[in-house]
Amino acid sequence: MDDTLVIRMKCAPVDPNAITKDDELLMQKMQAYIDESYVNHAKKLHIVPGIAIAANQLGVPKQIIYVHF
């Protein structure tokens, strides 16, 4: 699948009162990615540091976002 297609797709809403185990795992992975980039591991892990990530950036067309404050 072309990554740009997932980024441009309309993402499905997620009911905060009905979070699935898969949604929880996805959110944990999103948080870990951003947090790792903040503790100067970006070069070591070959990742780009960031302050936020959306589920569709990981190929999951859901309205989930993690923002590091």
C-alpha atoms as a PDB file:
ATOM      1  CA  MET A   1       0.000   0.000   0.000  1.00  0.00           C
ATOM      2  CA  ASP A   2       1.247   3.482  -0.837  1.00  0.00           C
ATOM      3  CA  ASP A   3       1.946   5.308   2.440  1.00  0.00           C
ATOM      4  CA  THR A   4       0.558   8.550   1.070  1.00  0.00           C
ATOM      5  CA  LEU A   5      -2.821   6.883   0.531  1.00  0.00           C
ATOM      6  CA  VAL A   6      -3.152   6.093   4.234  1.00  0.00           C
ATOM      7  CA  ILE A   7      -2.156   9.639   5.166  1.00  0.00           C
ATOM      8  CA  ARG A   8      -4.833  11.051   2.862  1.00  0.00           C
ATOM      9  CA  MET A   9      -7.617   8.627   3.814  1.00  0.00           C
ATOM     10  CA  LYS A  10     -10.478   9.786   5.985  1.00  0.00           C
ATOM     11  CA  CYS A  11      -9.788   8.284   9.386  1.00  0.00           C
ATOM     12  CA  ALA A  12     -12.407   6.520  11.453  1.00  0.00           C
ATOM     13  CA  PRO A  13     -13.474   8.165  14.712  1.00  0.00           C
ATOM     14  CA  VAL A  14     -12.634   6.372  17.938  1.00  0.00           C
ATOM     15  CA  ASP A  15     -15.132   6.377  20.811  1.00  0.00           C
ATOM     16  CA  PRO A  16     -13.146   7.179  23.982  1.00  0.00           C
ATOM     17  CA  ASN A  17     -15.605   5.046  25.944  1.00  0.00           C
ATOM     18  CA  ALA A  18     -14.955   1.994  23.759  1.00  0.00           C
ATOM     19  CA  ILE A  19     -11.167   1.815  23.410  1.00  0.00           C
ATOM     20  CA  THR A  20     -10.060  -1.642  22.286  1.00  0.00           C
ATOM     21  CA  LYS A  21      -6.915  -3.497  23.318  1.00  0.00           C
ATOM     22  CA  ASP A  22      -5.565  -2.861  19.817  1.00  0.00           C
ATOM     23  CA  ASP A  23      -6.196   0.880  20.251  1.00  0.00           C
ATOM     24  CA  GLU A  24      -4.387   0.823  23.606  1.00  0.00           C
ATOM     25  CA  LEU A  25      -1.405  -0.983  22.098  1.00  0.00           C
ATOM     26  CA  LEU A  26      -1.305   1.492  19.209  1.00  0.00           C
ATOM     27  CA  MET A  27      -1.365   4.448  21.624  1.00  0.00           C
ATOM     28  CA  GLN A  28       1.452   2.914  23.670  1.00  0.00           C
ATOM     29  CA  LYS A  29       3.561   2.485  20.523  1.00  0.00           C
ATOM     30  CA  MET A  30       2.847   6.063  19.447  1.00  0.00           C
ATOM     31  CA  GLN A  31       3.838   7.415  22.858  1.00  0.00           C
ATOM     32  CA  ALA A  32       6.986   5.283  22.963  1.00  0.00           C
ATOM     33  CA  TYR A  33       8.089   6.527  19.535  1.00  0.00           C
ATOM     34  CA  ILE A  34       7.761  10.194  20.481  1.00  0.00           C
ATOM     35  CA  ASP A  35       9.178   9.744  23.973  1.00  0.00           C
ATOM     36  CA  GLU A  36      12.217   7.869  22.649  1.00  0.00           C
ATOM     37  CA  SER A  37      12.905  10.665  20.197  1.00  0.00           C
ATOM     38  CA  TYR A  38      12.837  13.137  23.085  1.00  0.00           C
ATOM     39  CA  VAL A  39      15.406  11.437  25.273  1.00  0.00           C
ATOM     40  CA  ASN A  40      18.130  11.802  22.642  1.00  0.00           C
ATOM     41  CA  HIS A  41      17.718   8.321  21.275  1.00  0.00           C
ATOM     42  CA  ALA A  42      16.755   9.565  17.816  1.00  0.00           C
ATOM     43  CA  LYS A  43      20.222   9.102  16.332  1.00  0.00           C
ATOM     44  CA  LYS A  44      20.745   5.746  18.015  1.00  0.00           C
ATOM     45  CA  LEU A  45      17.358   4.420  16.842  1.00  0.00           C
ATOM     46  CA  HIS A  46      17.576   6.082  13.407  1.00  0.00           C
ATOM     47  CA  ILE A  47      14.295   7.917  13.912  1.00  0.00           C
ATOM     48  CA  VAL A  48      13.284  11.523  13.369  1.00  0.00           C
ATOM     49  CA  PRO A  49      12.524  13.412  16.609  1.00  0.00           C
ATOM     50  CA  GLY A  50       9.017  14.765  16.853  1.00  0.00           C
ATOM     51  CA  ILE A  51       6.430  16.239  19.166  1.00  0.00           C
ATOM     52  CA  ALA A  52       3.361  14.429  17.874  1.00  0.00           C
ATOM     53  CA  ILE A  53       2.265  11.450  15.823  1.00  0.00           C
ATOM     54  CA  ALA A  54      -1.056  10.391  14.318  1.00  0.00           C
ATOM     55  CA  ALA A  55      -2.251   6.815  13.877  1.00  0.00           C
ATOM     56  CA  ASN A  56      -2.484   7.210  10.118  1.00  0.00           C
ATOM     57  CA  GLN A  57       1.259   7.943  10.010  1.00  0.00           C
ATOM     58  CA  LEU A  58       1.656   4.364  11.182  1.00  0.00           C
ATOM     59  CA  GLY A  59      -0.761   3.037   8.587  1.00  0.00           C
ATOM     60  CA  VAL A  60      -3.795   2.867  10.884  1.00  0.00           C
ATOM     61  CA  PRO A  61      -6.697   4.995   9.586  1.00  0.00           C
ATOM     62  CA  LYS A  62      -8.116   5.979  13.000  1.00  0.00           C
ATOM     63  CA  GLN A  63      -8.529   9.379  14.628  1.00  0.00           C
ATOM     64  CA  ILE A  64      -5.897   8.858  17.314  1.00  0.00           C
ATOM     65  CA  ILE A  65      -3.067  11.294  18.024  1.00  0.00           C
ATOM     66  CA  TYR A  66      -0.339  11.545  20.639  1.00  0.00           C
ATOM     67  CA  VAL A  67       1.182  14.942  21.459  1.00  0.00           C
ATOM     68  CA  HIS A  68       4.154  15.338  23.780  1.00  0.00           C
ATOM     69  CA  PHE A  69       3.869  18.404  26.032  1.00  0.00           C
END
